[in-house]
Each structure stands twice: as C-alpha cells, then as structure tokens.
Protein backbone atom coordinates (compact mmCIF):
# COMPACT_ATOMS: atom_id res chain seq x y z
CA MET A 1 -94.75 41.36 237.88
CA LEU A 2 -92.28 42.29 234.85
CA LYS A 3 -93.18 42.38 231.60
CA LYS A 4 -91.37 40.65 228.81
CA ARG A 5 -89.75 42.34 226.62
CA ARG A 6 -90.25 41.95 222.02
CA ARG A 7 -87.46 41.50 220.40
CA LYS A 8 -88.69 44.00 217.35
CA ARG A 9 -87.83 41.32 214.45
CA ARG A 10 -86.64 43.36 211.16
CA PRO A 11 -88.48 42.44 207.57
CA LYS A 12 -89.05 39.51 205.60
CA LYS A 13 -89.16 41.58 202.53
CA GLN A 14 -84.91 43.34 203.64
CA LYS A 15 -83.04 39.91 203.86
CA MET A 16 -84.60 38.82 201.04
CA GLU A 17 -83.54 42.19 199.48
CA VAL A 18 -79.99 41.16 200.10
CA GLY A 19 -80.29 37.79 198.87
CA MET A 20 -81.19 39.18 195.61
CA GLU A 21 -78.14 41.22 195.87
CA LEU A 22 -75.51 37.97 196.79
CA LEU A 23 -76.98 36.30 194.30
CA LEU A 24 -76.13 39.09 191.38
CA LEU A 25 -73.05 39.28 193.51
CA LEU A 26 -72.15 35.40 192.49
CA LYS A 27 -74.04 35.01 189.15
CA MET A 28 -71.10 38.34 188.45
CA ASN A 29 -68.74 36.52 189.70
CA HIS A 30 -69.76 33.75 187.42
CA GLN A 31 -69.50 35.79 184.77
CA ASN A 32 -66.20 36.97 184.95
CA LEU A 33 -64.56 33.57 186.26
CA PHE A 34 -65.99 31.68 183.03
CA LEU A 35 -65.14 34.89 180.75
CA MET A 36 -61.75 34.48 182.25
CA ASN A 37 -61.90 30.98 181.12
CA GLN A 38 -62.66 31.41 177.71
CA LYS A 39 -59.83 34.38 177.15
CA ARG A 40 -56.96 31.43 178.86
CA ILE A 41 -58.61 28.46 176.60
CA LYS A 42 -58.43 31.26 173.72
CA GLU A 43 -54.65 32.01 174.24
CA LEU A 44 -54.12 28.00 174.71
CA GLN A 45 -55.07 27.77 171.29
CA GLU A 46 -53.28 30.69 169.85
CA ILE A 47 -49.92 29.18 171.74
CA ARG A 48 -50.59 25.51 170.09
CA THR A 49 -51.16 26.80 166.66
CA MET A 50 -48.43 29.39 166.94
CA LYS A 51 -46.57 26.10 167.46
CA ARG A 52 -47.31 24.45 165.33
CA THR A 53 -46.65 26.75 162.96
CA LEU A 54 -43.38 26.83 163.47
CA ARG A 55 -42.60 22.78 163.78
CA ASP A 56 -43.68 23.84 159.84
CA LEU A 57 -40.80 26.40 159.69
CA GLY A 58 -38.68 24.38 161.88
CA LEU A 59 -37.77 26.50 164.62
CA LEU A 60 -39.75 24.87 167.12
CA PRO A 61 -36.89 25.18 169.42
CA MET A 62 -37.61 28.21 171.17
CA LYS A 63 -38.80 27.70 174.46
CA THR A 64 -42.32 28.85 175.94
CA PRO A 65 -42.26 31.60 177.41
CA ARG A 66 -40.44 33.26 175.02
CA LEU A 67 -43.03 32.35 172.65
CA ILE A 68 -46.12 33.08 175.42
CA LEU A 69 -43.74 36.93 175.68
CA MET A 70 -44.29 36.87 171.76
CA LEU A 71 -47.91 37.16 172.20
CA GLN A 72 -47.75 39.75 174.54
CA LYS A 73 -46.31 41.83 172.82
CA ARG A 74 -48.28 41.12 169.58
C-alpha cells in the first residue's frame, strides 16, 4: 500500500515576520504620503499669501504658473 506524502508546512513565525515587514512598509509609505501632502499644503498656502501680497501691491495680473516658478527659484 502506498503511503500518503505529507506536505511540509512552513513555520507560522516566518509568515508573521513577513507580515510585520509589510506593515512597516505600509506605515512608511503612509508617512511619506502624509509628509508630501503637508508639503503641498504648505506650498499652496505660500502661493496664496504671495497672491494676497501681490494683490495688495497691485501686481496680480501675473499668472499663477509663473508665481509657482518664482517660488521654486527661491
């Protein structure tokens, strides 16, 4: 009579470690996205304040893309 071959199971600990690494990666990615978003918000606020000061000085007819370029050159 033929014996059934048993499948070798991987230890569960290994799976857990991989899971933790994935979680860490996800967490890092989330933090990076959060930081990038914060940076974007800050830049938008800066542009808004620039626009406000330009309006006060009477120089608003400048287009926004040029404003952004000016900000990047600073």
